[in-house]
């Protein structure tokens, strides 16, 4: 599905920006996000994220009927995303000054309920009733369904070392600047962000907010798209040293996340899932056990095709990072020279 949609994504991003940004978007989507790890499996989140972003692209391209169908199919596959679609619909309603976008989340919800009726015989039976995990040392473990405190769940989803969005998708936490970007590009970015916010609002209460046995924040594949949009539009900008440094940090962490997700994945996390998952929370909150940190200190080390993938990632990193480093170095030299000129320590007297 991802391979089939690559030409469409390139076409959509090129229409609202340029070829260079579209190429960079595909590169960062495939290699600078947990998306690359998800492509190794057949979980529903990839299908959902692809359809939701495709639907948002179709809205940008003014193909609204097809967009609504695609979005409804995406929500049908993962009902929790209907809240995010509702938030995005509010944005599109204000941008287009059209009331009909208020119908979009309703149609998506009705499609989801219809699918539940066909599958389970009743529109409000999801199959997850009473679903819960093992009882561990965590105070809220073992409780069913939406029993986790929202405050703790949202903080964990954002800031925890093993599952936090800020470490796996750092680009979505940076304030974007689109001075020379088409308005449609900005609309696509912010509507994607709102979908992610909606997913966060729902899964913060779910007992398995962490995604259970999975590498990184499982339910947030959708965040790969706004992260790739940000990096593709900011990696070449040189407005200030601070902004360039922040983009460099986000680029470095994003490519490392993508690399470790493909090469290592769950391999360093065997400790987390033994003894009926009793130690699982350690891998969520302790930096030493975070799945993107442990490969720095222990194997297995890349071999075969993994080495080729690692070399490709390094080449891409240098391609994008060296110009930023050159800009930062030039600014640093300028500030040093200015500092020396203003103070001239060697001319001070006793």
C-alpha atoms as a PDB file:
ATOM      1  CA  UNK A   1       0.000   0.000   0.000  1.00  0.00           C
ATOM      2  CA  UNK A   2       2.813   2.402   0.865  1.00  0.00           C
ATOM      3  CA  UNK A   3       4.554   1.659  -2.443  1.00  0.00           C
ATOM      4  CA  UNK A   4       1.348   2.214  -4.378  1.00  0.00           C
ATOM      5  CA  UNK A   5       0.694   5.569  -2.684  1.00  0.00           C
ATOM      6  CA  UNK A   6       4.232   6.969  -3.128  1.00  0.00           C
ATOM      7  CA  UNK A   7       3.418   8.521  -6.563  1.00  0.00           C
ATOM      8  CA  UNK A   8       0.257  10.097  -5.151  1.00  0.00           C
ATOM      9  CA  UNK A   9       2.084  11.577  -2.161  1.00  0.00           C
ATOM     10  CA  UNK A  10       4.770  12.979  -4.448  1.00  0.00           C
ATOM     11  CA  UNK A  11       2.126  14.473  -6.738  1.00  0.00           C
ATOM     12  CA  UNK A  12       0.147  15.999  -3.858  1.00  0.00           C
ATOM     13  CA  UNK A  13       3.138  17.576  -2.106  1.00  0.00           C
ATOM     14  CA  UNK A  14       4.575  18.839  -5.395  1.00  0.00           C
ATOM     15  CA  UNK A  15       1.274  20.511  -6.232  1.00  0.00           C
ATOM     16  CA  UNK A  16       1.337  22.541  -3.012  1.00  0.00           C
ATOM     17  CA  UNK A  17       5.104  23.152  -2.810  1.00  0.00           C
ATOM     18  CA  UNK A  18       7.799  22.003  -5.256  1.00  0.00           C
ATOM     19  CA  UNK A  19       9.640  18.906  -6.454  1.00  0.00           C
ATOM     20  CA  UNK A  20      12.489  19.276  -3.974  1.00  0.00           C
ATOM     21  CA  UNK A  21      10.165  19.419  -0.988  1.00  0.00           C
ATOM     22  CA  UNK A  22       8.164  16.464  -2.307  1.00  0.00           C
ATOM     23  CA  UNK A  23      11.319  14.347  -2.687  1.00  0.00           C
ATOM     24  CA  UNK A  24      12.491  15.249   0.789  1.00  0.00           C
ATOM     25  CA  UNK A  25       9.081  14.455   2.209  1.00  0.00           C
ATOM     26  CA  UNK A  26       9.220  10.902   0.869  1.00  0.00           C
ATOM     27  CA  UNK A  27      12.787  10.441   2.133  1.00  0.00           C
ATOM     28  CA  UNK A  28      11.958  11.606   5.654  1.00  0.00           C
ATOM     29  CA  UNK A  29       8.708   9.652   5.726  1.00  0.00           C
ATOM     30  CA  UNK A  30      10.477   6.418   4.815  1.00  0.00           C
ATOM     31  CA  UNK A  31      13.672   6.831   6.837  1.00  0.00           C
ATOM     32  CA  UNK A  32      13.293   9.486   9.542  1.00  0.00           C
ATOM     33  CA  UNK A  33      10.341   8.216  11.563  1.00  0.00           C
ATOM     34  CA  UNK A  34       8.996   5.044  13.217  1.00  0.00           C
ATOM     35  CA  UNK A  35       6.972   4.608  10.025  1.00  0.00           C
ATOM     36  CA  UNK A  36       9.815   2.529   8.609  1.00  0.00           C
ATOM     37  CA  UNK A  37       9.510   0.060  11.490  1.00  0.00           C
ATOM     38  CA  UNK A  38       5.737  -0.221  11.106  1.00  0.00           C
ATOM     39  CA  UNK A  39       6.157  -1.213   7.456  1.00  0.00           C
ATOM     40  CA  UNK A  40       7.742  -4.471   8.641  1.00  0.00           C
ATOM     41  CA  UNK A  41       4.453  -5.613  10.193  1.00  0.00           C
ATOM     42  CA  UNK A  42       0.785  -5.904   9.281  1.00  0.00           C
ATOM     43  CA  UNK A  43      -0.818  -3.881  12.043  1.00  0.00           C
ATOM     44  CA  UNK A  44      -3.852  -1.753  11.258  1.00  0.00           C
ATOM     45  CA  UNK A  45      -2.220   1.575  12.125  1.00  0.00           C
ATOM     46  CA  UNK A  46      -0.300   1.799   8.840  1.00  0.00           C
ATOM     47  CA  UNK A  47      -3.433   1.351   6.723  1.00  0.00           C
ATOM     48  CA  UNK A  48      -5.265   3.925   8.844  1.00  0.00           C
ATOM     49  CA  UNK A  49      -2.478   6.514   8.708  1.00  0.00           C
ATOM     50  CA  UNK A  50      -2.037   6.122   4.948  1.00  0.00           C
ATOM     51  CA  UNK A  51      -5.742   6.574   4.278  1.00  0.00           C
ATOM     52  CA  UNK A  52      -6.150   9.491   6.667  1.00  0.00           C
ATOM     53  CA  UNK A  53      -3.232  11.411   5.181  1.00  0.00           C
ATOM     54  CA  UNK A  54      -4.359  10.550   1.654  1.00  0.00           C
ATOM     55  CA  UNK A  55      -7.790  11.938   2.498  1.00  0.00           C
ATOM     56  CA  UNK A  56      -6.289  15.161   3.841  1.00  0.00           C
ATOM     57  CA  UNK A  57      -4.202  15.484   0.662  1.00  0.00           C
ATOM     58  CA  UNK A  58      -7.340  15.031  -1.434  1.00  0.00           C
ATOM     59  CA  UNK A  59      -9.061  17.823   0.498  1.00  0.00           C
ATOM     60  CA  UNK A  60      -6.082  20.067  -0.225  1.00  0.00           C
ATOM     61  CA  UNK A  61      -6.397  19.144  -3.903  1.00  0.00           C
ATOM     62  CA  UNK A  62     -10.149  19.939  -3.801  1.00  0.00           C
ATOM     63  CA  UNK A  63     -11.209  16.314  -4.418  1.00  0.00           C
ATOM     64  CA  UNK A  64     -13.630  16.351  -1.517  1.00  0.00           C
ATOM     65  CA  UNK A  65     -15.995  13.507  -2.399  1.00  0.00           C
ATOM     66  CA  UNK A  66     -13.151  11.038  -2.822  1.00  0.00           C
ATOM     67  CA  UNK A  67     -11.448  12.529   0.246  1.00  0.00           C
ATOM     68  CA  UNK A  68     -14.441  11.868   2.462  1.00  0.00           C
ATOM     69  CA  UNK A  69     -14.670   8.258   1.246  1.00  0.00           C
ATOM     70  CA  UNK A  70     -10.985   7.660   1.929  1.00  0.00           C
ATOM     71  CA  UNK A  71     -11.161   9.305   5.371  1.00  0.00           C
ATOM     72  CA  UNK A  72     -14.217   7.244   6.279  1.00  0.00           C
ATOM     73  CA  UNK A  73     -12.342   4.046   5.370  1.00  0.00           C
ATOM     74  CA  UNK A  74      -9.411   5.145   7.506  1.00  0.00           C
ATOM     75  CA  UNK A  75     -11.622   5.825  10.517  1.00  0.00           C
ATOM     76  CA  UNK A  76     -13.477   2.563   9.906  1.00  0.00           C
ATOM     77  CA  UNK A  77     -10.179   0.732  10.344  1.00  0.00           C
ATOM     78  CA  UNK A  78      -9.311   2.535  13.617  1.00  0.00           C
ATOM     79  CA  UNK A  79     -12.335   4.135  15.219  1.00  0.00           C
ATOM     80  CA  UNK A  80     -10.339   6.174  17.745  1.00  0.00           C
ATOM     81  CA  UNK A  81      -9.177   8.478  14.932  1.00  0.00           C
ATOM     82  CA  UNK A  82     -12.673   9.944  14.519  1.00  0.00           C
ATOM     83  CA  UNK A  83     -11.869  12.525  17.219  1.00  0.00           C
ATOM     84  CA  UNK A  84      -8.853  13.726  15.254  1.00  0.00           C
ATOM     85  CA  UNK A  85     -10.919  13.895  12.071  1.00  0.00           C
ATOM     86  CA  UNK A  86     -13.437  15.983  13.990  1.00  0.00           C
ATOM     87  CA  UNK A  87     -10.744  18.456  15.006  1.00  0.00           C
ATOM     88  CA  UNK A  88      -9.378  18.611  11.458  1.00  0.00           C
ATOM     89  CA  UNK A  89     -12.914  19.168  10.153  1.00  0.00           C
ATOM     90  CA  UNK A  90     -13.257  22.231  12.357  1.00  0.00           C
ATOM     91  CA  UNK A  91     -10.055  23.617  10.852  1.00  0.00           C
ATOM     92  CA  UNK A  92     -11.160  22.936   7.287  1.00  0.00           C
ATOM     93  CA  UNK A  93     -14.566  24.457   8.001  1.00  0.00           C
ATOM     94  CA  UNK A  94     -12.937  27.707   9.115  1.00  0.00           C
ATOM     95  CA  UNK A  95     -10.435  27.730   6.261  1.00  0.00           C
ATOM     96  CA  UNK A  96     -13.057  27.064   3.551  1.00  0.00           C
ATOM     97  CA  UNK A  97     -15.907  28.911   5.305  1.00  0.00           C
ATOM     98  CA  UNK A  98     -18.120  25.861   4.671  1.00  0.00           C
ATOM     99  CA  UNK A  99     -20.514  24.242   7.135  1.00  0.00           C
ATOM    100  CA  UNK A 100     -20.518  20.903   5.311  1.00  0.00           C
ATOM    101  CA  UNK A 101     -17.264  19.866   6.973  1.00  0.00           C
ATOM    102  CA  UNK A 102     -19.285  19.407  10.171  1.00  0.00           C
ATOM    103  CA  UNK A 103     -20.792  16.341   8.475  1.00  0.00           C
ATOM    104  CA  UNK A 104     -17.409  14.695   7.860  1.00  0.00           C
ATOM    105  CA  UNK A 105     -16.809  13.237  11.375  1.00  0.00           C
ATOM    106  CA  UNK A 106     -20.468  12.162  11.526  1.00  0.00           C
ATOM    107  CA  UNK A 107     -20.141  10.246   8.253  1.00  0.00           C
ATOM    108  CA  UNK A 108     -16.871   8.696   9.424  1.00  0.00           C
ATOM    109  CA  UNK A 109     -18.444   7.660  12.732  1.00  0.00           C
ATOM    110  CA  UNK A 110     -21.496   6.156  11.010  1.00  0.00           C
ATOM    111  CA  UNK A 111     -19.211   4.194   8.678  1.00  0.00           C
ATOM    112  CA  UNK A 112     -17.295   2.845  11.673  1.00  0.00           C
ATOM    113  CA  UNK A 113     -20.485   1.877  13.517  1.00  0.00           C
ATOM    114  CA  UNK A 114     -21.809   0.204  10.371  1.00  0.00           C
ATOM    115  CA  UNK A 115     -18.638  -1.854  10.093  1.00  0.00           C
ATOM    116  CA  UNK A 116     -19.012  -2.918  13.730  1.00  0.00           C
ATOM    117  CA  UNK A 117     -22.608  -3.968  13.052  1.00  0.00           C
ATOM    118  CA  UNK A 118     -21.593  -6.105  10.094  1.00  0.00           C
ATOM    119  CA  UNK A 119     -18.714  -7.674  12.008  1.00  0.00           C
ATOM    120  CA  UNK A 120     -20.142  -8.078  15.522  1.00  0.00           C
ATOM    121  CA  UNK A 121     -23.886  -7.852  15.002  1.00  0.00           C
ATOM    122  CA  UNK A 122     -24.268  -4.657  17.046  1.00  0.00           C
ATOM    123  CA  UNK A 123     -22.920  -1.142  16.292  1.00  0.00           C
ATOM    124  CA  UNK A 124     -21.526  -0.502  19.771  1.00  0.00           C
ATOM    125  CA  UNK A 125     -19.807  -3.852  20.274  1.00  0.00           C
ATOM    126  CA  UNK A 126     -16.125  -3.387  19.435  1.00  0.00           C
ATOM    127  CA  UNK A 127     -14.731  -6.697  20.665  1.00  0.00           C
ATOM    128  CA  UNK A 128     -12.531  -4.919  23.217  1.00  0.00           C
ATOM    129  CA  UNK A 129     -15.071  -4.949  26.031  1.00  0.00           C
ATOM    130  CA  UNK A 130     -13.317  -5.887  29.269  1.00  0.00           C
ATOM    131  CA  UNK A 131      -9.925  -5.903  27.551  1.00  0.00           C
ATOM    132  CA  UNK A 132      -7.063  -5.449  30.030  1.00  0.00           C
ATOM    133  CA  UNK A 133      -3.424  -6.291  30.674  1.00  0.00           C
ATOM    134  CA  UNK A 134      -1.441  -8.080  33.355  1.00  0.00           C
ATOM    135  CA  UNK A 135      -1.235  -6.815  36.917  1.00  0.00           C
ATOM    136  CA  UNK A 136       2.257  -5.475  37.627  1.00  0.00           C
ATOM    137  CA  UNK A 137       3.828  -3.098  40.136  1.00  0.00           C
ATOM    138  CA  UNK A 138       2.235  -0.141  38.297  1.00  0.00           C
ATOM    139  CA  UNK A 139      -0.755   1.156  40.320  1.00  0.00           C
ATOM    140  CA  UNK A 140      -3.235   1.249  37.399  1.00  0.00           C
ATOM    141  CA  UNK A 141      -2.178  -1.985  35.704  1.00  0.00           C
ATOM    142  CA  UNK A 142      -4.713  -4.750  35.204  1.00  0.00           C
ATOM    143  CA  UNK A 143      -7.652  -2.346  34.869  1.00  0.00           C
ATOM    144  CA  UNK A 144      -9.835  -2.687  31.750  1.00  0.00           C
ATOM    145  CA  UNK A 145     -10.528  -0.449  28.763  1.00  0.00           C
ATOM    146  CA  UNK A 146     -10.403   3.340  29.253  1.00  0.00           C
ATOM    147  CA  UNK A 147      -9.338   3.240  32.888  1.00  0.00           C
ATOM    148  CA  UNK A 148      -5.952   4.935  32.801  1.00  0.00           C
ATOM    149  CA  UNK A 149      -5.843   8.505  34.210  1.00  0.00           C
ATOM    150  CA  UNK A 150      -5.826  10.984  31.333  1.00  0.00           C
ATOM    151  CA  UNK A 151      -3.173  13.218  32.890  1.00  0.00           C
ATOM    152  CA  UNK A 152      -0.728  10.347  33.402  1.00  0.00           C
ATOM    153  CA  UNK A 153      -1.490   8.810  30.025  1.00  0.00           C
ATOM    154  CA  UNK A 154      -0.980  12.025  28.088  1.00  0.00           C
ATOM    155  CA  UNK A 155       2.260  12.830  29.926  1.00  0.00           C
ATOM    156  CA  UNK A 156       3.537   9.313  29.279  1.00  0.00           C
ATOM    157  CA  UNK A 157       2.628   9.413  25.606  1.00  0.00           C
ATOM    158  CA  UNK A 158       4.449  12.712  25.159  1.00  0.00           C
ATOM    159  CA  UNK A 159       7.463  12.520  27.470  1.00  0.00           C
ATOM    160  CA  UNK A 160       8.262   8.887  28.376  1.00  0.00           C
ATOM    161  CA  UNK A 161      11.638   7.759  27.051  1.00  0.00           C
ATOM    162  CA  UNK A 162      10.426   4.468  25.608  1.00  0.00           C
ATOM    163  CA  UNK A 163       7.075   5.567  24.133  1.00  0.00           C
ATOM    164  CA  UNK A 164       7.156   9.374  24.115  1.00  0.00           C
ATOM    165  CA  UNK A 165       6.203  11.260  20.982  1.00  0.00           C
ATOM    166  CA  UNK A 166       8.776  13.963  21.706  1.00  0.00           C
ATOM    167  CA  UNK A 167      11.590  11.438  21.196  1.00  0.00           C
ATOM    168  CA  UNK A 168      10.094   9.460  18.305  1.00  0.00           C
ATOM    169  CA  UNK A 169       8.568  12.409  16.426  1.00  0.00           C
ATOM    170  CA  UNK A 170      10.561  15.452  17.633  1.00  0.00           C
ATOM    171  CA  UNK A 171       9.727  17.526  14.559  1.00  0.00           C
ATOM    172  CA  UNK A 172       6.037  17.876  15.460  1.00  0.00           C
ATOM    173  CA  UNK A 173       6.970  19.695  18.688  1.00  0.00           C
ATOM    174  CA  UNK A 174       8.890  22.473  16.915  1.00  0.00           C
ATOM    175  CA  UNK A 175       7.050  25.646  16.007  1.00  0.00           C
ATOM    176  CA  UNK A 176       6.915  25.683  12.192  1.00  0.00           C
ATOM    177  CA  UNK A 177       7.655  28.668  10.018  1.00  0.00           C
ATOM    178  CA  UNK A 178       6.189  28.677   6.516  1.00  0.00           C
ATOM    179  CA  UNK A 179       6.939  32.148   5.110  1.00  0.00           C
ATOM    180  CA  UNK A 180       7.359  31.081   1.495  1.00  0.00           C
ATOM    181  CA  UNK A 181       5.206  27.953   1.511  1.00  0.00           C
ATOM    182  CA  UNK A 182       1.826  27.653  -0.184  1.00  0.00           C
ATOM    183  CA  UNK A 183      -1.141  28.085   2.122  1.00  0.00           C
ATOM    184  CA  UNK A 184      -2.361  24.595   1.231  1.00  0.00           C
ATOM    185  CA  UNK A 185       0.891  23.129   2.588  1.00  0.00           C
ATOM    186  CA  UNK A 186       0.296  24.832   5.924  1.00  0.00           C
ATOM    187  CA  UNK A 187      -3.301  23.602   5.964  1.00  0.00           C
ATOM    188  CA  UNK A 188      -2.175  20.038   5.308  1.00  0.00           C
ATOM    189  CA  UNK A 189       0.415  20.242   8.082  1.00  0.00           C
ATOM    190  CA  UNK A 190      -1.931  21.633  10.725  1.00  0.00           C
ATOM    191  CA  UNK A 191      -4.803  19.296   9.855  1.00  0.00           C
ATOM    192  CA  UNK A 192      -2.393  16.352  10.215  1.00  0.00           C
ATOM    193  CA  UNK A 193      -1.290  17.691  13.598  1.00  0.00           C
ATOM    194  CA  UNK A 194      -4.912  17.931  14.734  1.00  0.00           C
ATOM    195  CA  UNK A 195      -5.519  14.309  13.786  1.00  0.00           C
ATOM    196  CA  UNK A 196      -2.533  13.332  15.948  1.00  0.00           C
ATOM    197  CA  UNK A 197      -3.895  15.457  18.816  1.00  0.00           C
ATOM    198  CA  UNK A 198      -7.227  13.660  18.537  1.00  0.00           C
ATOM    199  CA  UNK A 199      -5.522  10.266  18.704  1.00  0.00           C
ATOM    200  CA  UNK A 200      -3.632  11.458  21.791  1.00  0.00           C
ATOM    201  CA  UNK A 201      -6.858  12.555  23.491  1.00  0.00           C
ATOM    202  CA  UNK A 202      -8.388   9.114  22.998  1.00  0.00           C
ATOM    203  CA  UNK A 203      -5.480   6.794  23.768  1.00  0.00           C
ATOM    204  CA  UNK A 204      -4.338   8.693  26.862  1.00  0.00           C
ATOM    205  CA  UNK A 205      -7.201   6.962  28.678  1.00  0.00           C
ATOM    206  CA  UNK A 206      -6.718   3.495  27.149  1.00  0.00           C
ATOM    207  CA  UNK A 207      -5.104   0.952  29.473  1.00  0.00           C
ATOM    208  CA  UNK A 208      -2.628   0.034  26.705  1.00  0.00           C
ATOM    209  CA  UNK A 209      -1.724   3.607  25.763  1.00  0.00           C
ATOM    210  CA  UNK A 210       1.810   2.285  25.190  1.00  0.00           C
ATOM    211  CA  UNK A 211       0.716  -0.069  22.421  1.00  0.00           C
ATOM    212  CA  UNK A 212       1.661  -3.176  24.398  1.00  0.00           C
ATOM    213  CA  UNK A 213       4.379  -5.316  22.733  1.00  0.00           C
ATOM    214  CA  UNK A 214       5.525  -2.879  20.082  1.00  0.00           C
ATOM    215  CA  UNK A 215       8.477  -0.655  19.310  1.00  0.00           C
ATOM    216  CA  UNK A 216       7.726   3.005  20.012  1.00  0.00           C
ATOM    217  CA  UNK A 217       4.283   4.666  20.245  1.00  0.00           C
ATOM    218  CA  UNK A 218       2.259   2.157  18.234  1.00  0.00           C
ATOM    219  CA  UNK A 219      -0.945   4.141  17.702  1.00  0.00           C
ATOM    220  CA  UNK A 220       0.730   7.270  16.328  1.00  0.00           C
ATOM    221  CA  UNK A 221       1.956   6.300  12.865  1.00  0.00           C
ATOM    222  CA  UNK A 222      -0.019   9.301  11.636  1.00  0.00           C
ATOM    223  CA  UNK A 223       2.551  11.577  13.308  1.00  0.00           C
ATOM    224  CA  UNK A 224       5.115  10.470  10.706  1.00  0.00           C
ATOM    225  CA  UNK A 225       3.398  12.630   8.088  1.00  0.00           C
ATOM    226  CA  UNK A 226       3.468  16.060   9.786  1.00  0.00           C
ATOM    227  CA  UNK A 227       6.998  15.266  11.009  1.00  0.00           C
ATOM    228  CA  UNK A 228       8.097  14.599   7.419  1.00  0.00           C
ATOM    229  CA  UNK A 229       6.293  17.741   6.235  1.00  0.00           C
ATOM    230  CA  UNK A 230       8.162  19.820   8.803  1.00  0.00           C
ATOM    231  CA  UNK A 231      11.599  18.414   8.036  1.00  0.00           C
ATOM    232  CA  UNK A 232      11.119  18.630   4.265  1.00  0.00           C
ATOM    233  CA  UNK A 233      10.205  22.321   4.486  1.00  0.00           C
ATOM    234  CA  UNK A 234      12.702  23.400   7.160  1.00  0.00           C
ATOM    235  CA  UNK A 235      15.876  21.414   6.603  1.00  0.00           C
ATOM    236  CA  UNK A 236      17.091  23.903   3.972  1.00  0.00           C
ATOM    237  CA  UNK A 237      16.063  27.114   5.787  1.00  0.00           C
ATOM    238  CA  UNK A 238      18.789  29.292   7.354  1.00  0.00           C
ATOM    239  CA  UNK A 239      16.866  32.024   9.182  1.00  0.00           C
ATOM    240  CA  UNK A 240      18.695  31.902  12.526  1.00  0.00           C
ATOM    241  CA  UNK A 241      21.279  29.860  14.390  1.00  0.00           C
ATOM    242  CA  UNK A 242      18.824  28.733  17.076  1.00  0.00           C
ATOM    243  CA  UNK A 243      16.243  27.542  14.567  1.00  0.00           C
ATOM    244  CA  UNK A 244      18.910  25.755  12.508  1.00  0.00           C
ATOM    245  CA  UNK A 245      20.278  24.068  15.635  1.00  0.00           C
ATOM    246  CA  UNK A 246      16.810  22.882  16.655  1.00  0.00           C
ATOM    247  CA  UNK A 247      16.170  21.510  13.164  1.00  0.00           C
ATOM    248  CA  UNK A 248      19.549  19.749  13.249  1.00  0.00           C
ATOM    249  CA  UNK A 249      18.691  18.081  16.572  1.00  0.00           C
ATOM    250  CA  UNK A 250      15.301  16.981  15.223  1.00  0.00           C
ATOM    251  CA  UNK A 251      16.914  15.675  12.031  1.00  0.00           C
ATOM    252  CA  UNK A 252      19.556  13.733  13.975  1.00  0.00           C
ATOM    253  CA  UNK A 253      17.087  12.143  16.373  1.00  0.00           C
ATOM    254  CA  UNK A 254      14.545  11.378  13.636  1.00  0.00           C
ATOM    255  CA  UNK A 255      17.046   9.560  11.429  1.00  0.00           C
ATOM    256  CA  UNK A 256      18.390   7.653  14.427  1.00  0.00           C
ATOM    257  CA  UNK A 257      14.850   6.602  15.373  1.00  0.00           C
ATOM    258  CA  UNK A 258      14.221   5.438  11.817  1.00  0.00           C
ATOM    259  CA  UNK A 259      17.520   3.525  11.738  1.00  0.00           C
ATOM    260  CA  UNK A 260      17.063   1.748  15.067  1.00  0.00           C
ATOM    261  CA  UNK A 261      13.460   0.897  14.238  1.00  0.00           C
ATOM    262  CA  UNK A 262      14.444  -0.912  11.045  1.00  0.00           C
ATOM    263  CA  UNK A 263      17.647  -2.608  12.234  1.00  0.00           C
ATOM    264  CA  UNK A 264      16.979  -3.355  15.909  1.00  0.00           C
ATOM    265  CA  UNK A 265      13.267  -3.014  16.546  1.00  0.00           C
ATOM    266  CA  UNK A 266      12.210  -5.163  19.486  1.00  0.00           C
ATOM    267  CA  UNK A 267      15.484  -7.096  19.752  1.00  0.00           C
ATOM    268  CA  UNK A 268      16.995  -5.199  22.702  1.00  0.00           C
ATOM    269  CA  UNK A 269      13.703  -5.313  24.643  1.00  0.00           C
ATOM    270  CA  UNK A 270      13.492  -8.963  25.745  1.00  0.00           C
ATOM    271  CA  UNK A 271      13.856  -7.856  29.366  1.00  0.00           C
ATOM    272  CA  UNK A 272      10.652  -5.857  29.108  1.00  0.00           C
ATOM    273  CA  UNK A 273       8.242  -8.641  28.304  1.00  0.00           C
ATOM    274  CA  UNK A 274       9.351 -11.483  30.572  1.00  0.00           C
ATOM    275  CA  UNK A 275       7.631 -12.610  33.765  1.00  0.00           C
ATOM    276  CA  UNK A 276       4.147 -11.686  32.452  1.00  0.00           C
ATOM    277  CA  UNK A 277       5.283  -8.175  31.474  1.00  0.00           C
ATOM    278  CA  UNK A 278       6.168  -7.314  35.054  1.00  0.00           C
ATOM    279  CA  UNK A 279       9.162  -5.198  33.971  1.00  0.00           C
ATOM    280  CA  UNK A 280       7.477  -3.591  30.962  1.00  0.00           C
ATOM    281  CA  UNK A 281       7.036  -0.183  32.601  1.00  0.00           C
ATOM    282  CA  UNK A 282      10.789   0.025  33.162  1.00  0.00           C
ATOM    283  CA  UNK A 283      11.242   0.140  29.393  1.00  0.00           C
ATOM    284  CA  UNK A 284       8.676   2.925  29.097  1.00  0.00           C
ATOM    285  CA  UNK A 285      10.132   5.320  31.630  1.00  0.00           C
ATOM    286  CA  UNK A 286      13.827   4.501  32.225  1.00  0.00           C
ATOM    287  CA  UNK A 287      16.168   5.970  29.623  1.00  0.00           C
ATOM    288  CA  UNK A 288      18.664   3.105  29.930  1.00  0.00           C
ATOM    289  CA  UNK A 289      16.013   0.640  28.700  1.00  0.00           C
ATOM    290  CA  UNK A 290      14.487   2.763  25.935  1.00  0.00           C
ATOM    291  CA  UNK A 291      14.565   0.752  22.730  1.00  0.00           C
ATOM    292  CA  UNK A 292      16.169   3.569  20.755  1.00  0.00           C
ATOM    293  CA  UNK A 293      18.923   4.056  23.375  1.00  0.00           C
ATOM    294  CA  UNK A 294      20.035   0.501  24.141  1.00  0.00           C
ATOM    295  CA  UNK A 295      21.513  -0.123  20.652  1.00  0.00           C
ATOM    296  CA  UNK A 296      24.127   2.535  21.499  1.00  0.00           C
ATOM    297  CA  UNK A 297      25.578   0.282  24.189  1.00  0.00           C
ATOM    298  CA  UNK A 298      24.812  -3.279  23.166  1.00  0.00           C
ATOM    299  CA  UNK A 299      24.289  -5.441  20.104  1.00  0.00           C
ATOM    300  CA  UNK A 300      23.317  -6.986  17.895  1.00  0.00           C
ATOM    301  CA  UNK A 301      25.331  -4.845  15.519  1.00  0.00           C
ATOM    302  CA  UNK A 302      24.319  -4.374  11.855  1.00  0.00           C
ATOM    303  CA  UNK A 303      25.238  -7.110   9.406  1.00  0.00           C
ATOM    304  CA  UNK A 304      24.442  -7.835   5.781  1.00  0.00           C
ATOM    305  CA  UNK A 305      21.676  -5.624   4.381  1.00  0.00           C
ATOM    306  CA  UNK A 306      21.498  -3.790   7.702  1.00  0.00           C
ATOM    307  CA  UNK A 307      24.955  -2.322   7.116  1.00  0.00           C
ATOM    308  CA  UNK A 308      23.845  -1.054   3.738  1.00  0.00           C
ATOM    309  CA  UNK A 309      20.787   0.566   5.295  1.00  0.00           C
ATOM    310  CA  UNK A 310      22.931   2.141   8.011  1.00  0.00           C
ATOM    311  CA  UNK A 311      25.389   3.502   5.421  1.00  0.00           C
ATOM    312  CA  UNK A 312      22.508   4.955   3.395  1.00  0.00           C
ATOM    313  CA  UNK A 313      21.134   6.636   6.525  1.00  0.00           C
ATOM    314  CA  UNK A 314      24.565   8.124   7.310  1.00  0.00           C
ATOM    315  CA  UNK A 315      24.897   9.452   3.760  1.00  0.00           C
ATOM    316  CA  UNK A 316      21.464  11.062   3.939  1.00  0.00           C
ATOM    317  CA  UNK A 317      22.260  12.557   7.314  1.00  0.00           C
ATOM    318  CA  UNK A 318      25.495  14.093   6.069  1.00  0.00           C
ATOM    319  CA  UNK A 319      23.737  15.377   2.945  1.00  0.00           C
ATOM    320  CA  UNK A 320      21.241  17.340   5.027  1.00  0.00           C
ATOM    321  CA  UNK A 321      23.306  18.065   8.139  1.00  0.00           C
ATOM    322  CA  UNK A 322      26.587  19.358   6.647  1.00  0.00           C
ATOM    323  CA  UNK A 323      25.014  22.547   5.170  1.00  0.00           C
ATOM    324  CA  UNK A 324      23.366  23.237   8.534  1.00  0.00           C
ATOM    325  CA  UNK A 325      26.651  22.669  10.369  1.00  0.00           C
ATOM    326  CA  UNK A 326      28.430  24.972   7.909  1.00  0.00           C
ATOM    327  CA  UNK A 327      25.856  27.691   8.548  1.00  0.00           C
ATOM    328  CA  UNK A 328      26.149  27.274  12.311  1.00  0.00           C
ATOM    329  CA  UNK A 329      29.946  27.326  12.101  1.00  0.00           C
ATOM    330  CA  UNK A 330      29.930  30.522  10.038  1.00  0.00           C
ATOM    331  CA  UNK A 331      27.625  32.220  12.520  1.00  0.00           C
ATOM    332  CA  UNK A 332      29.750  31.038  15.432  1.00  0.00           C
ATOM    333  CA  UNK A 333      32.904  32.484  13.862  1.00  0.00           C
ATOM    334  CA  UNK A 334      31.099  35.752  13.261  1.00  0.00           C
ATOM    335  CA  UNK A 335      29.960  35.977  16.891  1.00  0.00           C
ATOM    336  CA  UNK A 336      33.452  35.107  18.166  1.00  0.00           C
ATOM    337  CA  UNK A 337      35.006  37.819  16.018  1.00  0.00           C
ATOM    338  CA  UNK A 338      32.373  40.314  17.174  1.00  0.00           C
ATOM    339  CA  UNK A 339      32.982  39.363  20.808  1.00  0.00           C
ATOM    340  CA  UNK A 340      36.731  39.777  20.462  1.00  0.00           C
ATOM    341  CA  UNK A 341      36.320  43.121  18.701  1.00  0.00           C
ATOM    342  CA  UNK A 342      33.981  44.478  21.384  1.00  0.00           C
ATOM    343  CA  UNK A 343      36.058  43.477  24.393  1.00  0.00           C
ATOM    344  CA  UNK A 344      39.694  43.198  23.182  1.00  0.00           C
ATOM    345  CA  UNK A 345      40.946  41.573  26.364  1.00  0.00           C
ATOM    346  CA  UNK A 346      44.581  41.926  25.331  1.00  0.00           C
ATOM    347  CA  UNK A 347      44.307  45.715  25.530  1.00  0.00           C
ATOM    348  CA  UNK A 348      42.944  45.806  29.073  1.00  0.00           C
ATOM    349  CA  UNK A 349      45.079  47.502  31.714  1.00  0.00           C
ATOM    350  CA  UNK A 350      45.570  46.635  35.346  1.00  0.00           C
END
